[in-house]
Protein backbone atom coordinates (compact mmCIF):
# COMPACT_ATOMS: atom_id res chain seq x y z
CA MET A 1 39.04 -58.30 36.80
CA ALA A 2 40.23 -55.42 38.97
CA THR A 3 37.92 -56.52 41.79
CA GLN A 4 39.30 -60.05 41.68
CA ALA A 5 42.88 -58.75 41.67
CA CYS A 6 42.16 -56.61 44.75
CA LYS A 7 40.57 -59.54 46.57
CA LYS A 8 43.62 -61.71 45.82
CA GLY A 9 45.95 -59.06 47.25
CA ALA A 10 47.66 -58.29 43.93
CA VAL A 11 46.90 -54.56 44.19
CA ARG A 12 48.50 -52.21 46.72
CA VAL A 13 48.14 -48.47 47.20
CA ASN A 14 51.06 -46.81 48.98
CA GLY A 15 52.22 -50.25 50.13
CA ASP A 16 48.89 -51.30 51.69
CA VAL A 17 46.67 -54.11 50.39
CA VAL A 18 43.37 -52.52 49.38
CA LYS A 19 39.72 -53.38 48.91
CA PRO A 20 38.09 -52.87 45.50
CA SER A 21 36.19 -49.81 46.79
CA ARG A 22 39.34 -47.92 47.84
CA GLU A 23 39.55 -44.44 46.32
CA VAL A 24 42.85 -43.13 45.03
CA TYR A 25 44.09 -39.55 45.19
CA PRO A 26 46.74 -37.56 43.32
CA GLY A 27 50.18 -38.58 44.54
CA ASP A 28 49.19 -42.16 45.41
CA GLU A 29 51.44 -44.94 44.17
CA ILE A 30 49.67 -48.09 42.94
CA THR A 31 51.58 -51.38 42.78
CA LEU A 32 50.01 -54.34 41.02
CA ARG A 33 51.24 -57.74 40.00
CA LYS A 34 50.26 -58.98 36.55
CA ASN A 35 51.94 -61.66 34.44
CA GLN A 36 54.85 -62.04 36.87
CA ILE A 37 55.66 -58.31 36.63
CA LYS A 38 55.24 -55.85 39.47
CA TYR A 39 53.90 -52.69 37.82
CA GLN A 40 54.22 -49.36 39.64
CA ILE A 41 51.95 -46.47 38.70
CA LYS A 42 51.82 -42.96 40.15
CA VAL A 43 48.48 -41.11 40.12
CA LEU A 44 49.06 -37.58 38.80
CA ASP A 45 45.48 -36.30 38.83
CA ILE A 46 41.87 -37.50 38.90
CA PRO A 47 39.70 -36.71 35.84
CA ASP A 48 36.37 -34.94 36.37
CA SER A 49 34.46 -37.52 34.33
CA ARG A 50 35.02 -40.76 32.45
CA LEU A 51 37.36 -40.62 29.49
CA GLY A 52 38.74 -42.78 26.73
CA ALA A 53 41.67 -45.15 27.14
CA LYS A 54 43.92 -42.97 24.96
CA LEU A 55 43.67 -40.10 27.46
CA VAL A 56 44.44 -42.12 30.61
CA ASP A 57 48.19 -41.48 30.33
CA ILE A 58 47.57 -37.79 31.06
CA TYR A 59 46.49 -38.73 34.59
CA ARG A 60 49.04 -41.42 35.45
CA LYS A 61 52.76 -42.08 35.18
CA ASP A 62 54.23 -45.56 34.78
CA ILE A 63 57.28 -45.83 37.06
CA THR A 64 57.85 -49.58 36.65
CA PRO A 65 61.60 -50.28 36.62
CA LYS A 66 62.99 -51.63 33.32
CA GLU A 67 64.62 -54.52 35.22
CA ALA A 68 61.17 -56.05 35.82
CA PHE A 69 60.56 -56.39 32.08
CA GLU A 70 64.11 -57.63 31.43
CA ALA A 71 63.75 -60.34 34.10
CA GLN A 72 60.52 -61.56 32.51
CA GLU A 73 62.12 -61.65 29.06
CA LEU A 74 65.11 -63.55 30.45
CA SER A 75 62.93 -66.16 32.14
CA ARG A 76 60.83 -66.53 28.99
CA SER A 77 63.88 -67.08 26.77
CA ALA A 78 65.38 -69.55 29.29
CA GLN A 79 62.16 -71.54 29.30
CA GLU A 80 62.00 -71.61 25.49
CA TYR A 81 65.62 -72.71 25.31
CA TYR A 82 64.97 -75.64 27.65
CA ARG A 83 61.92 -76.99 25.82
CA GLN A 84 60.02 -75.55 22.92
CA LYS A 85 56.46 -74.48 23.66
CA GLY A 86 53.95 -77.24 23.09
CA GLU A 87 56.36 -80.15 23.48
CA GLY A 88 55.39 -80.76 27.10
CA ARG A 89 57.08 -83.20 29.42
CA PRO A 90 59.33 -85.97 28.08
CA THR A 91 57.49 -89.21 27.45
CA LYS A 92 58.60 -92.60 28.78
CA LYS A 93 60.08 -93.36 25.38
CA ASP A 94 62.06 -90.08 25.46
CA ARG A 95 63.44 -90.95 28.90
CA ARG A 96 64.37 -94.49 27.85
CA ASP A 97 66.16 -93.15 24.78
CA LEU A 98 68.07 -90.68 26.96
CA ASP A 99 69.00 -93.41 29.44
CA ASP A 100 70.21 -95.67 26.62
CA PHE A 101 72.24 -92.81 25.16
CA ILE A 102 73.86 -92.02 28.50
CA GLU A 103 74.66 -95.70 29.20
CA ASN A 104 76.02 -96.40 25.70
CA PRO A 105 77.41 -93.14 24.28
CA GLU A 106 79.76 -94.92 21.81
CA ASP A 107 76.95 -96.93 20.17
CA GLU A 108 75.28 -95.14 17.29
CA ASN A 109 72.09 -97.21 17.43
CA PRO A 110 71.21 -98.29 20.96
CA ALA A 111 69.33 -101.57 21.09
């Protein structure tokens, strides 16, 4: 997945688009785009060998601004307000009912 993200240009190191084989060094800043959020990570140190996922936070610092997460939450809530998930686009019948309602707002049962 990381290789595909690099090939698509979603990963940058110090502002430059990188290849999947690019090595990172302490002090590098990695920017990646995932799920409409631009994450920013600073490399603190490089481990000597492979390690578990729980220990990764020792070697990196997440410097993603909180505004990025708030913007995603705002867009998600606006989308849910407009149309509930799973309802899809309005059907022809829905549009006809809306048109009838707009044309005849005083009628309770449009014909």
